C-alpha atoms as a PDB file:
ATOM      1  CA  MET A   1      11.200  27.195  23.357  1.00  0.00           C
ATOM      2  CA  MET A   2      11.277  26.490  19.366  1.00  0.00           C
ATOM      3  CA  LYS A   3      14.859  24.304  18.905  1.00  0.00           C
ATOM      4  CA  LEU A   4      16.831  23.593  16.022  1.00  0.00           C
ATOM      5  CA  SER A   5      16.887  20.012  16.437  1.00  0.00           C
ATOM      6  CA  SER A   6      12.491  20.172  16.477  1.00  0.00           C
ATOM      7  CA  LEU A   7      13.035  21.230  12.335  1.00  0.00           C
ATOM      8  CA  PRO A   8      13.643  19.296   9.615  1.00  0.00           C
ATOM      9  CA  ALA A   9      17.282  18.895   9.404  1.00  0.00           C
ATOM     10  CA  SER A  10      17.017  20.878   5.506  1.00  0.00           C
ATOM     11  CA  TRP A  11      15.257  23.449   7.183  1.00  0.00           C
ATOM     12  CA  ALA A  12      17.535  23.825  10.067  1.00  0.00           C
ATOM     13  CA  ALA A  13      20.322  23.852   7.778  1.00  0.00           C
ATOM     14  CA  ALA A  14      18.647  27.324   6.272  1.00  0.00           C
ATOM     15  CA  ALA A  15      17.439  28.923   9.255  1.00  0.00           C
ATOM     16  CA  ALA A  16      18.170  32.023  11.288  1.00  0.00           C
ATOM     17  CA  LEU A  17      18.566  32.471  14.748  1.00  0.00           C
ATOM     18  CA  VAL A  18      16.488  35.633  15.795  1.00  0.00           C
ATOM     19  CA  ILE A  19      16.495  36.568  19.246  1.00  0.00           C
ATOM     20  CA  TYR A  20      12.324  37.445  20.393  1.00  0.00           C
ATOM     21  CA  SER A  21      12.517  38.896  23.585  1.00  0.00           C
ATOM     22  CA  VAL A  22       9.203  39.758  25.014  1.00  0.00           C
ATOM     23  CA  ALA A  23       8.273  38.992  28.746  1.00  0.00           C
ATOM     24  CA  GLY A  24      11.362  39.772  29.774  1.00  0.00           C
ATOM     25  CA  LEU A  25      12.973  36.253  28.602  1.00  0.00           C
ATOM     26  CA  LEU A  26      15.241  36.475  25.314  1.00  0.00           C
ATOM     27  CA  VAL A  27      13.689  33.200  23.271  1.00  0.00           C
ATOM     28  CA  ASP A  28      15.448  31.232  20.614  1.00  0.00           C
ATOM     29  CA  ALA A  29      12.911  31.390  17.446  1.00  0.00           C
ATOM     30  CA  PHE A  30      14.069  30.087  13.932  1.00  0.00           C
ATOM     31  CA  VAL A  31      12.755  31.824  10.390  1.00  0.00           C
ATOM     32  CA  VAL A  32      13.527  30.077   7.456  1.00  0.00           C
ATOM     33  CA  THR A  33      15.522  32.357   5.015  1.00  0.00           C
ATOM     34  CA  THR A  34      16.560  30.573   2.253  1.00  0.00           C
ATOM     35  CA  ILE A  35      14.894  27.183   0.590  1.00  0.00           C
ATOM     36  CA  PRO A  36      17.346  24.181   0.603  1.00  0.00           C
ATOM     37  CA  THR A  37      17.338  22.032  -2.497  1.00  0.00           C
ATOM     38  CA  GLU A  38      16.476  18.538  -1.621  1.00  0.00           C
ATOM     39  CA  ILE A  39      14.317  18.867  -4.812  1.00  0.00           C
ATOM     40  CA  SER A  40      15.977  19.506  -8.464  1.00  0.00           C
ATOM     41  CA  SER A  41      15.553  23.100  -8.967  1.00  0.00           C
ATOM     42  CA  SER A  42      16.052  22.147 -12.923  1.00  0.00           C
ATOM     43  CA  HIS A  43      12.494  20.595 -12.739  1.00  0.00           C
ATOM     44  CA  VAL A  44      10.264  22.576 -14.771  1.00  0.00           C
ATOM     45  CA  THR A  45       6.350  22.712 -13.048  1.00  0.00           C
ATOM     46  CA  LEU A  46       4.356  21.905 -16.387  1.00  0.00           C
ATOM     47  CA  ASN A  47       1.770  20.452 -14.860  1.00  0.00           C
ATOM     48  CA  ALA A  48       0.857  24.024 -12.339  1.00  0.00           C
ATOM     49  CA  LYS A  49      -2.314  24.304 -11.769  1.00  0.00           C
ATOM     50  CA  VAL A  50      -4.646  26.715 -10.403  1.00  0.00           C
ATOM     51  CA  ILE A  51      -7.295  25.424  -8.476  1.00  0.00           C
ATOM     52  CA  ARG A  52     -10.574  27.679  -7.893  1.00  0.00           C
ATOM     53  CA  VAL A  53     -12.909  26.550  -4.886  1.00  0.00           C
ATOM     54  CA  CYS A  54     -16.047  27.917  -5.729  1.00  0.00           C
ATOM     55  CA  GLN A  55     -17.294  30.785  -2.902  1.00  0.00           C
ATOM     56  CA  SER A  56     -20.993  30.963  -4.579  1.00  0.00           C
ATOM     57  CA  PRO A  57     -23.458  30.864  -1.068  1.00  0.00           C
ATOM     58  CA  GLY A  58     -24.725  27.935  -2.204  1.00  0.00           C
ATOM     59  CA  CYS A  59     -21.341  26.088  -2.154  1.00  0.00           C
ATOM     60  CA  ARG A  60     -20.262  27.546   1.086  1.00  0.00           C
ATOM     61  CA  ASP A  61     -23.707  26.202   2.330  1.00  0.00           C
ATOM     62  CA  ASP A  62     -22.108  22.548   1.231  1.00  0.00           C
ATOM     63  CA  GLY A  63     -18.751  23.060   3.114  1.00  0.00           C
ATOM     64  CA  ALA A  64     -16.859  25.309   0.367  1.00  0.00           C
ATOM     65  CA  GLN A  65     -14.545  26.941   3.003  1.00  0.00           C
ATOM     66  CA  SER A  66     -13.617  23.827   4.274  1.00  0.00           C
ATOM     67  CA  THR A  67     -12.578  22.553   1.010  1.00  0.00           C
ATOM     68  CA  LEU A  68     -11.093  25.427   0.403  1.00  0.00           C
ATOM     69  CA  ASP A  69      -8.759  25.189   3.490  1.00  0.00           C
ATOM     70  CA  ALA A  70      -7.657  21.772   3.242  1.00  0.00           C
ATOM     71  CA  LEU A  71      -6.535  22.092  -0.309  1.00  0.00           C
ATOM     72  CA  THR A  72      -4.614  25.138   0.959  1.00  0.00           C
ATOM     73  CA  ALA A  73      -3.035  22.688   3.730  1.00  0.00           C
ATOM     74  CA  PHE A  74      -2.838  19.902   1.501  1.00  0.00           C
ATOM     75  CA  ALA A  75      -2.443  20.702  -2.435  1.00  0.00           C
ATOM     76  CA  SER A  76       1.048  19.525  -4.100  1.00  0.00           C
ATOM     77  CA  PRO A  77       4.188  21.974  -5.461  1.00  0.00           C
ATOM     78  CA  GLY A  78       3.027  23.697  -8.442  1.00  0.00           C
ATOM     79  CA  CYS A  79      -0.852  24.214  -7.341  1.00  0.00           C
ATOM     80  CA  GLN A  80      -2.224  27.560  -6.776  1.00  0.00           C
ATOM     81  CA  VAL A  81      -5.617  27.328  -4.290  1.00  0.00           C
ATOM     82  CA  MET A  82      -7.726  30.312  -4.388  1.00  0.00           C
ATOM     83  CA  LYS A  83     -11.239  31.435  -3.878  1.00  0.00           C
ATOM     84  CA  GLY A  84     -13.260  31.111  -7.349  1.00  0.00           C
ATOM     85  CA  GLY A  85     -16.610  32.358  -8.446  1.00  0.00           C
ATOM     86  CA  CYS A  86     -19.669  30.289  -9.383  1.00  0.00           C
ATOM     87  CA  VAL A  87     -19.570  27.968 -12.371  1.00  0.00           C
ATOM     88  CA  SER A  88     -22.934  27.201 -12.321  1.00  0.00           C
ATOM     89  CA  LEU A  89     -23.080  23.667 -11.037  1.00  0.00           C
ATOM     90  CA  CYS A  90     -25.152  24.763  -7.909  1.00  0.00           C
ATOM     91  CA  GLY A  91     -26.302  22.032  -5.908  1.00  0.00           C
ATOM     92  CA  SER A  92     -23.289  20.411  -6.338  1.00  0.00           C
ATOM     93  CA  GLY A  93     -21.137  21.642  -3.971  1.00  0.00           C
ATOM     94  CA  PRO A  94     -18.381  22.130  -2.914  1.00  0.00           C
ATOM     95  CA  VAL A  95     -17.114  22.829  -6.754  1.00  0.00           C
ATOM     96  CA  VAL A  96     -13.449  22.449  -7.422  1.00  0.00           C
ATOM     97  CA  GLU A  97     -12.106  24.394 -10.939  1.00  0.00           C
ATOM     98  CA  ILE A  98      -8.837  23.200 -12.226  1.00  0.00           C
ATOM     99  CA  LEU A  99      -6.538  25.024 -14.996  1.00  0.00           C
ATOM    100  CA  PRO A 100      -3.455  25.071 -16.410  1.00  0.00           C
ATOM    101  CA  ASP A 101      -1.561  28.072 -14.344  1.00  0.00           C
ATOM    102  CA  GLY A 102      -0.940  31.184 -16.677  1.00  0.00           C
ATOM    103  CA  GLU A 103      -3.609  30.331 -19.119  1.00  0.00           C
ATOM    104  CA  ASP A 104      -6.552  32.755 -19.350  1.00  0.00           C
ATOM    105  CA  VAL A 105     -10.005  31.539 -18.392  1.00  0.00           C
ATOM    106  CA  MET A 106     -11.700  32.256 -21.124  1.00  0.00           C
ATOM    107  CA  THR A 107     -10.005  30.583 -23.514  1.00  0.00           C
ATOM    108  CA  ILE A 108      -9.030  27.098 -21.705  1.00  0.00           C
ATOM    109  CA  SER A 109     -11.594  24.465 -21.299  1.00  0.00           C
ATOM    110  CA  SER A 110     -11.104  24.091 -17.391  1.00  0.00           C
ATOM    111  CA  MET A 111     -11.719  20.842 -15.208  1.00  0.00           C
ATOM    112  CA  LYS A 112     -14.724  20.915 -12.998  1.00  0.00           C
ATOM    113  CA  ARG A 113     -15.280  18.826 -10.273  1.00  0.00           C
ATOM    114  CA  LYS A 114     -18.384  18.298  -7.769  1.00  0.00           C
ATOM    115  CA  ARG A 115     -19.155  17.252  -4.328  1.00  0.00           C
ATOM    116  CA  VAL A 116     -15.272  18.262  -3.402  1.00  0.00           C
ATOM    117  CA  LYS A 117     -14.910  16.932   0.812  1.00  0.00           C
ATOM    118  CA  GLY A 118     -14.187  14.037   2.124  1.00  0.00           C
ATOM    119  CA  ASP A 119     -12.823  10.630   0.167  1.00  0.00           C
ATOM    120  CA  ALA A 120     -13.467  13.074  -3.064  1.00  0.00           C
ATOM    121  CA  LEU A 121     -10.976  15.619  -2.043  1.00  0.00           C
ATOM    122  CA  VAL A 122      -8.397  13.409  -1.160  1.00  0.00           C
ATOM    123  CA  SER A 123      -8.891  11.336  -4.810  1.00  0.00           C
ATOM    124  CA  LEU A 124      -8.709  14.715  -6.393  1.00  0.00           C
ATOM    125  CA  LEU A 125      -5.155  15.263  -4.570  1.00  0.00           C
ATOM    126  CA  ASP A 126      -3.866  12.221  -5.387  1.00  0.00           C
ATOM    127  CA  GLU A 127      -4.797  12.747  -9.188  1.00  0.00           C
ATOM    128  CA  LEU A 128      -2.533  16.497  -8.914  1.00  0.00           C
ATOM    129  CA  SER A 129       0.273  15.285  -7.505  1.00  0.00           C
ATOM    130  CA  ASP A 130       3.375  15.030  -8.931  1.00  0.00           C
ATOM    131  CA  GLU A 131       5.961  12.067  -8.176  1.00  0.00           C
ATOM    132  CA  GLU A 132       8.985  14.530  -8.943  1.00  0.00           C
ATOM    133  CA  THR A 133       8.433  17.474  -6.681  1.00  0.00           C
ATOM    134  CA  ASP A 134       5.404  16.065  -4.103  1.00  0.00           C
ATOM    135  CA  ILE A 135       6.262  14.803  -0.283  1.00  0.00           C
ATOM    136  CA  SER A 136       5.761  11.011  -0.258  1.00  0.00           C
ATOM    137  CA  SER A 137       2.277   9.604   0.017  1.00  0.00           C
ATOM    138  CA  PHE A 138       3.296   8.421   3.441  1.00  0.00           C
ATOM    139  CA  MET A 139       3.886  11.737   4.648  1.00  0.00           C
ATOM    140  CA  ARG A 140       0.720  13.057   2.683  1.00  0.00           C
ATOM    141  CA  GLN A 141      -1.255  10.657   5.184  1.00  0.00           C
ATOM    142  CA  ARG A 142       0.661  12.259   8.253  1.00  0.00           C
ATOM    143  CA  LEU A 143      -0.418  15.437   7.390  1.00  0.00           C
ATOM    144  CA  ILE A 144      -4.041  14.999   6.582  1.00  0.00           C
ATOM    145  CA  MET A 145      -4.255  12.582   9.825  1.00  0.00           C
ATOM    146  CA  GLY A 146      -2.643  15.601  11.832  1.00  0.00           C
ATOM    147  CA  TYR A 147      -5.324  18.223  10.196  1.00  0.00           C
ATOM    148  CA  GLU A 148      -7.913  16.379  10.505  1.00  0.00           C
ATOM    149  CA  GLN A 149      -7.233  16.299  14.721  1.00  0.00           C
ATOM    150  CA  SER A 150      -6.096  20.044  14.592  1.00  0.00           C
ATOM    151  CA  LEU A 151     -10.707  19.885  13.363  1.00  0.00           C
ATOM    152  CA  GLU A 152     -11.249  18.082  16.115  1.00  0.00           C
ATOM    153  CA  ALA A 153      -8.982  20.076  18.660  1.00  0.00           C
ATOM    154  CA  LYS A 154     -10.604  23.291  17.213  1.00  0.00           C
ATOM    155  CA  ALA A 155     -14.212  21.842  18.148  1.00  0.00           C
ATOM    156  CA  ALA A 156     -13.161  21.242  21.518  1.00  0.00           C
ATOM    157  CA  TYR A 157     -11.827  24.764  21.915  1.00  0.00           C
ATOM    158  CA  GLU A 158     -15.079  26.004  20.684  1.00  0.00           C
ATOM    159  CA  ALA A 159     -17.067  24.164  23.129  1.00  0.00           C
ATOM    160  CA  LYS A 160     -14.756  25.305  26.044  1.00  0.00           C
ATOM    161  CA  ASP A 161     -13.246  21.933  26.888  1.00  0.00           C
ATOM    162  CA  TYR A 162     -10.134  23.605  27.152  1.00  0.00           C
ATOM    163  CA  GLN A 163      -8.174  20.572  28.885  1.00  0.00           C
ATOM    164  CA  THR A 164      -9.323  18.080  25.450  1.00  0.00           C
ATOM    165  CA  ALA A 165      -8.615  20.700  23.221  1.00  0.00           C
ATOM    166  CA  VAL A 166      -4.637  21.483  24.438  1.00  0.00           C
ATOM    167  CA  GLN A 167      -4.595  17.278  24.264  1.00  0.00           C
ATOM    168  CA  LEU A 168      -5.875  17.336  20.396  1.00  0.00           C
ATOM    169  CA  TYR A 169      -3.519  20.139  19.552  1.00  0.00           C
ATOM    170  CA  GLU A 170      -0.913  18.247  20.673  1.00  0.00           C
ATOM    171  CA  GLU A 171      -1.292  15.650  18.383  1.00  0.00           C
ATOM    172  CA  ALA A 172      -2.363  17.406  15.737  1.00  0.00           C
ATOM    173  CA  ILE A 173       1.136  19.322  15.738  1.00  0.00           C
ATOM    174  CA  GLN A 174       3.057  16.424  16.641  1.00  0.00           C
ATOM    175  CA  THR A 175       1.935  14.410  13.498  1.00  0.00           C
ATOM    176  CA  GLY A 176       1.166  17.557  10.757  1.00  0.00           C
ATOM    177  CA  ARG A 177       4.067  19.305  11.669  1.00  0.00           C
ATOM    178  CA  LYS A 178       7.297  18.049   9.866  1.00  0.00           C
ATOM    179  CA  PRO A 179       5.103  17.099   6.927  1.00  0.00           C
ATOM    180  CA  ALA A 180       3.777  20.323   6.757  1.00  0.00           C
ATOM    181  CA  MET A 181       6.887  21.960   6.239  1.00  0.00           C
ATOM    182  CA  ALA A 182       8.447  19.453   4.242  1.00  0.00           C
ATOM    183  CA  LEU A 183       5.489  20.286   1.750  1.00  0.00           C
ATOM    184  CA  GLU A 184       6.005  23.965   2.452  1.00  0.00           C
ATOM    185  CA  GLU A 185       9.142  23.770   1.620  1.00  0.00           C
ATOM    186  CA  ALA A 186       8.480  21.331  -1.733  1.00  0.00           C
ATOM    187  CA  ARG A 187       6.043  24.704  -2.878  1.00  0.00           C
ATOM    188  CA  SER A 188       8.314  27.264  -2.235  1.00  0.00           C
ATOM    189  CA  LEU A 189      11.009  25.167  -4.171  1.00  0.00           C
ATOM    190  CA  VAL A 190       8.551  24.780  -7.465  1.00  0.00           C
ATOM    191  CA  ASP A 191       7.492  28.588  -7.045  1.00  0.00           C
ATOM    192  CA  SER A 192       9.660  31.225  -6.027  1.00  0.00           C
ATOM    193  CA  LYS A 193       6.266  33.297  -5.794  1.00  0.00           C
ATOM    194  CA  HIS A 194       4.459  30.734  -3.361  1.00  0.00           C
ATOM    195  CA  GLU A 195       3.311  32.601   0.265  1.00  0.00           C
ATOM    196  CA  SER A 196       5.887  30.253   2.264  1.00  0.00           C
ATOM    197  CA  THR A 197       3.377  30.207   5.432  1.00  0.00           C
ATOM    198  CA  LYS A 198      -0.075  30.139   3.385  1.00  0.00           C
ATOM    199  CA  GLY A 199       0.096  26.442   3.812  1.00  0.00           C
ATOM    200  CA  VAL A 200       0.713  26.026   7.697  1.00  0.00           C
ATOM    201  CA  TYR A 201      -1.744  28.400   8.493  1.00  0.00           C
ATOM    202  CA  TRP A 202      -3.748  25.665   9.965  1.00  0.00           C
ATOM    203  CA  LEU A 203      -0.296  24.933  12.280  1.00  0.00           C
ATOM    204  CA  VAL A 204      -0.667  28.561  13.440  1.00  0.00           C
ATOM    205  CA  ASP A 205      -4.028  28.407  14.181  1.00  0.00           C
ATOM    206  CA  SER A 206      -3.403  25.583  16.273  1.00  0.00           C
ATOM    207  CA  PHE A 207      -0.485  26.886  18.183  1.00  0.00           C
ATOM    208  CA  ARG A 208      -3.172  30.447  18.859  1.00  0.00           C
ATOM    209  CA  ASN A 209      -5.673  28.159  19.859  1.00  0.00           C
ATOM    210  CA  SER A 210      -3.251  26.019  21.959  1.00  0.00           C
ATOM    211  CA  CYS A 211      -1.896  29.110  24.128  1.00  0.00           C
ATOM    212  CA  ARG A 212      -5.545  30.613  24.871  1.00  0.00           C
ATOM    213  CA  ALA A 213      -6.799  27.194  26.011  1.00  0.00           C
ATOM    214  CA  ARG A 214      -3.341  26.737  28.000  1.00  0.00           C
ATOM    215  CA  LEU A 215      -4.088  30.466  29.522  1.00  0.00           C
ATOM    216  CA  ALA A 216      -7.723  29.338  30.270  1.00  0.00           C
ATOM    217  CA  LEU A 217      -6.089  26.562  32.140  1.00  0.00           C
ATOM    218  CA  LYS A 218      -3.353  28.959  33.860  1.00  0.00           C
ATOM    219  CA  ASP A 219      -0.567  27.095  31.926  1.00  0.00           C
ATOM    220  CA  ILE A 220       1.507  30.179  31.318  1.00  0.00           C
ATOM    221  CA  ASP A 221       4.440  28.652  30.748  1.00  0.00           C
ATOM    222  CA  GLY A 222       2.403  26.450  28.123  1.00  0.00           C
ATOM    223  CA  ALA A 223       0.721  29.400  26.314  1.00  0.00           C
ATOM    224  CA  ARG A 224       4.264  31.046  25.951  1.00  0.00           C
ATOM    225  CA  ARG A 225       5.334  28.131  24.159  1.00  0.00           C
ATOM    226  CA  ASP A 226       2.959  27.882  21.873  1.00  0.00           C
ATOM    227  CA  ALA A 227       2.580  31.418  21.521  1.00  0.00           C
ATOM    228  CA  PHE A 228       6.221  31.861  20.170  1.00  0.00           C
ATOM    229  CA  ALA A 229       5.635  28.789  17.812  1.00  0.00           C
ATOM    230  CA  ALA A 230       3.036  30.711  15.970  1.00  0.00           C
ATOM    231  CA  THR A 231       5.372  33.694  15.478  1.00  0.00           C
ATOM    232  CA  VAL A 232       7.491  31.697  14.332  1.00  0.00           C
ATOM    233  CA  PHE A 233       5.373  29.058  11.928  1.00  0.00           C
ATOM    234  CA  SER A 234       3.960  32.284  10.418  1.00  0.00           C
ATOM    235  CA  GLN A 235       7.238  34.322  10.030  1.00  0.00           C
ATOM    236  CA  ASN A 236       6.504  36.971  12.435  1.00  0.00           C
ATOM    237  CA  THR A 237       3.486  38.210   9.771  1.00  0.00           C
ATOM    238  CA  ASP A 238       0.696  37.152  11.742  1.00  0.00           C
ATOM    239  CA  ALA A 239      -1.387  39.910  13.749  1.00  0.00           C
ATOM    240  CA  ASP A 240      -2.909  37.708  16.005  1.00  0.00           C
ATOM    241  CA  ALA A 241      -0.177  35.766  17.261  1.00  0.00           C
ATOM    242  CA  HIS A 242       1.319  38.732  18.474  1.00  0.00           C
ATOM    243  CA  MET A 243      -1.652  39.143  20.159  1.00  0.00           C
ATOM    244  CA  CYS A 244      -1.439  36.150  21.873  1.00  0.00           C
ATOM    245  CA  LEU A 245       1.977  36.580  23.203  1.00  0.00           C
ATOM    246  CA  ALA A 246       0.434  39.879  24.168  1.00  0.00           C
ATOM    247  CA  GLU A 247      -2.009  38.326  26.663  1.00  0.00           C
ATOM    248  CA  VAL A 248       0.407  35.854  27.803  1.00  0.00           C
ATOM    249  CA  CYS A 249       2.523  38.617  28.820  1.00  0.00           C
ATOM    250  CA  GLN A 250      -0.380  40.512  30.711  1.00  0.00           C
ATOM    251  CA  ALA A 251      -1.525  37.427  32.011  1.00  0.00           C
ATOM    252  CA  SER A 252       2.450  37.375  33.958  1.00  0.00           C
ATOM    253  CA  LYS A 253       1.931  41.274  34.283  1.00  0.00           C
ATOM    254  CA  ASP A 254       4.535  41.730  32.330  1.00  0.00           C
ATOM    255  CA  THR A 255       3.687  45.080  31.123  1.00  0.00           C
ATOM    256  CA  LEU A 256       6.877  45.445  28.743  1.00  0.00           C
ATOM    257  CA  GLY A 257       6.389  42.413  27.255  1.00  0.00           C
ATOM    258  CA  GLU A 258       2.436  42.644  26.526  1.00  0.00           C
ATOM    259  CA  LEU A 259       3.342  46.465  24.994  1.00  0.00           C
ATOM    260  CA  GLN A 260       6.417  44.829  22.701  1.00  0.00           C
ATOM    261  CA  ALA A 261       4.196  42.258  21.055  1.00  0.00           C
ATOM    262  CA  THR A 262       0.940  44.751  20.857  1.00  0.00           C
ATOM    263  CA  LYS A 263       3.211  46.825  18.873  1.00  0.00           C
ATOM    264  CA  ALA A 264       4.450  43.541  16.709  1.00  0.00           C
ATOM    265  CA  ALA A 265       0.721  43.211  16.226  1.00  0.00           C
ATOM    266  CA  ILE A 266      -0.173  46.667  14.931  1.00  0.00           C
ATOM    267  CA  GLU A 267       2.650  46.665  12.511  1.00  0.00           C
ATOM    268  CA  GLN A 268       1.268  43.664  10.832  1.00  0.00           C
ATOM    269  CA  TYR A 269      -2.478  44.980  10.671  1.00  0.00           C
ATOM    270  CA  GLN A 270      -1.019  48.342   8.939  1.00  0.00           C
ATOM    271  CA  ARG A 271       0.650  45.333   6.715  1.00  0.00           C
ATOM    272  CA  LEU A 272      -2.530  44.025   6.123  1.00  0.00           C
ATOM    273  CA  GLU A 273      -4.461  47.459   5.568  1.00  0.00           C
ATOM    274  CA  ASP A 274      -2.081  48.704   3.116  1.00  0.00           C
ATOM    275  CA  GLU A 275      -2.245  45.894   1.347  1.00  0.00           C
ATOM    276  CA  TYR A 276      -5.989  45.217   1.274  1.00  0.00           C
ATOM    277  CA  SER A 277      -5.918  48.956   0.360  1.00  0.00           C
ATOM    278  CA  LYS A 278      -4.645  48.572  -3.657  1.00  0.00           C
ATOM    279  CA  PRO A 279      -6.643  48.593  -6.328  1.00  0.00           C
ATOM    280  CA  LEU A 280      -8.137  45.155  -7.356  1.00  0.00           C
ATOM    281  CA  PRO A 281      -8.686  45.594 -10.874  1.00  0.00           C
ATOM    282  CA  GLY A 282     -10.523  42.509 -12.989  1.00  0.00           C
ATOM    283  CA  LYS A 283     -11.433  41.409  -9.578  1.00  0.00           C
ATOM    284  CA  ASP A 284     -15.192  40.448  -8.934  1.00  0.00           C
ATOM    285  CA  ALA A 285     -17.526  42.307  -6.262  1.00  0.00           C
ATOM    286  CA  VAL A 286     -17.567  39.280  -4.022  1.00  0.00           C
ATOM    287  CA  ALA A 287     -13.063  39.733  -4.113  1.00  0.00           C
ATOM    288  CA  ARG A 288     -13.434  43.308  -3.601  1.00  0.00           C
ATOM    289  CA  ALA A 289     -16.077  42.991  -0.458  1.00  0.00           C
ATOM    290  CA  GLU A 290     -13.977  40.510   1.088  1.00  0.00           C
ATOM    291  CA  ALA A 291     -10.813  43.128   0.664  1.00  0.00           C
ATOM    292  CA  ALA A 292     -12.850  46.245   1.979  1.00  0.00           C
ATOM    293  CA  LYS A 293     -13.379  44.091   4.930  1.00  0.00           C
ATOM    294  CA  ILE A 294     -10.510  43.157   6.117  1.00  0.00           C
ATOM    295  CA  LYS A 295      -8.917  46.687   5.493  1.00  0.00           C
ATOM    296  CA  ASN A 296     -11.580  48.066   7.806  1.00  0.00           C
ATOM    297  CA  ASN A 297     -11.214  45.282  10.298  1.00  0.00           C
ATOM    298  CA  ALA A 298      -7.301  45.543  10.337  1.00  0.00           C
ATOM    299  CA  SER A 299      -7.838  49.283  10.500  1.00  0.00           C
ATOM    300  CA  THR A 300     -10.382  48.973  13.594  1.00  0.00           C
ATOM    301  CA  VAL A 301      -8.197  46.400  15.853  1.00  0.00           C
ATOM    302  CA  LYS A 302      -5.571  48.887  15.099  1.00  0.00           C
ATOM    303  CA  ARG A 303      -6.900  51.742  16.290  1.00  0.00           C
ATOM    304  CA  GLU A 304      -8.254  49.879  19.607  1.00  0.00           C
ATOM    305  CA  LEU A 305      -4.350  48.647  20.033  1.00  0.00           C
ATOM    306  CA  GLY A 306      -3.238  52.274  19.605  1.00  0.00           C
ATOM    307  CA  PHE A 307      -5.302  53.347  22.991  1.00  0.00           C
ATOM    308  CA  ARG A 308      -3.861  50.219  24.533  1.00  0.00           C
ATOM    309  CA  ILE A 309      -0.631  50.562  24.097  1.00  0.00           C
ATOM    310  CA  MET A 310      -0.840  54.528  25.206  1.00  0.00           C
ATOM    311  CA  LYS A 311      -2.025  52.942  28.676  1.00  0.00           C
ATOM    312  CA  LEU A 312       0.850  50.727  28.693  1.00  0.00           C
ATOM    313  CA  GLU A 313       3.357  53.013  28.265  1.00  0.00           C
ATOM    314  CA  ASN A 314       1.878  55.406  30.988  1.00  0.00           C
ATOM    315  CA  GLU A 315       1.773  52.578  33.380  1.00  0.00           C
ATOM    316  CA  LEU A 316       5.649  52.105  32.568  1.00  0.00           C
ATOM    317  CA  LYS A 317       6.319  55.930  33.227  1.00  0.00           C
ATOM    318  CA  ALA A 318       4.213  55.523  36.377  1.00  0.00           C
ATOM    319  CA  SER A 319       6.399  52.601  37.464  1.00  0.00           C
ATOM    320  CA  SER A 320       9.701  53.801  36.815  1.00  0.00           C
END
């Protein structure tokens, strides 16, 4: 169960208590509704940056997706990380392009960096950091350490070494959770349009994988805790986190709980389908293709879950 004391004090002060009833259990979950003001709100983000990570086939082969994920997790407040197109530096990937936020990419001379991974990625983060708004260097080191532990845990999980995966995920979450939340808090204060769950996606992914690893180990209670944590850190917007809850309920033979969690997942898949059905003026073919892929996947999964809901509702009627 998530405890208020497990959150940083500033988050706890701004948290709203949410009662989430699944698996016949009332669980206290906390979702941030406002952003506290530890950093002066008068600080203007003059150094705001857009960071584009090239996603051309060559750069992807060089590890561009890993660079994109890491920059999303680590980037300083005021830095917007996104996928980018080819910048004609093939063979030097991953390539990162940095330009001032709000500037027309066609009229500004952007800064490009080659082979942005490992030490080069950390150096770029240091260069873009703003002491007035960023977390401390100690907190950033803890964040990077926790993130790297989560990658080790994911490798163990994918190798089906579930016991090792659970242990590594526990260490990763313990190490990186607080600095990740502190950084998200700072980002949201500096940029009111910041997507408040984007930078902690690696934590959500960690909780989901840990949940499923625990299920494989028959640790139902531990899996339930991780599933709830995944919904909390995603602020109930991650469909797969709700599916984790559904899987826990199925394992514990709680039909009502599984039904509730599956319906919550369908709501989020519907949101994705609606979001990625919108026109994308100005976007390149790659972005449009990716949006279509996300929309089609959400539609397919939503339809499959609809059949599952019908089955669960029939089971409940039969047992009543």
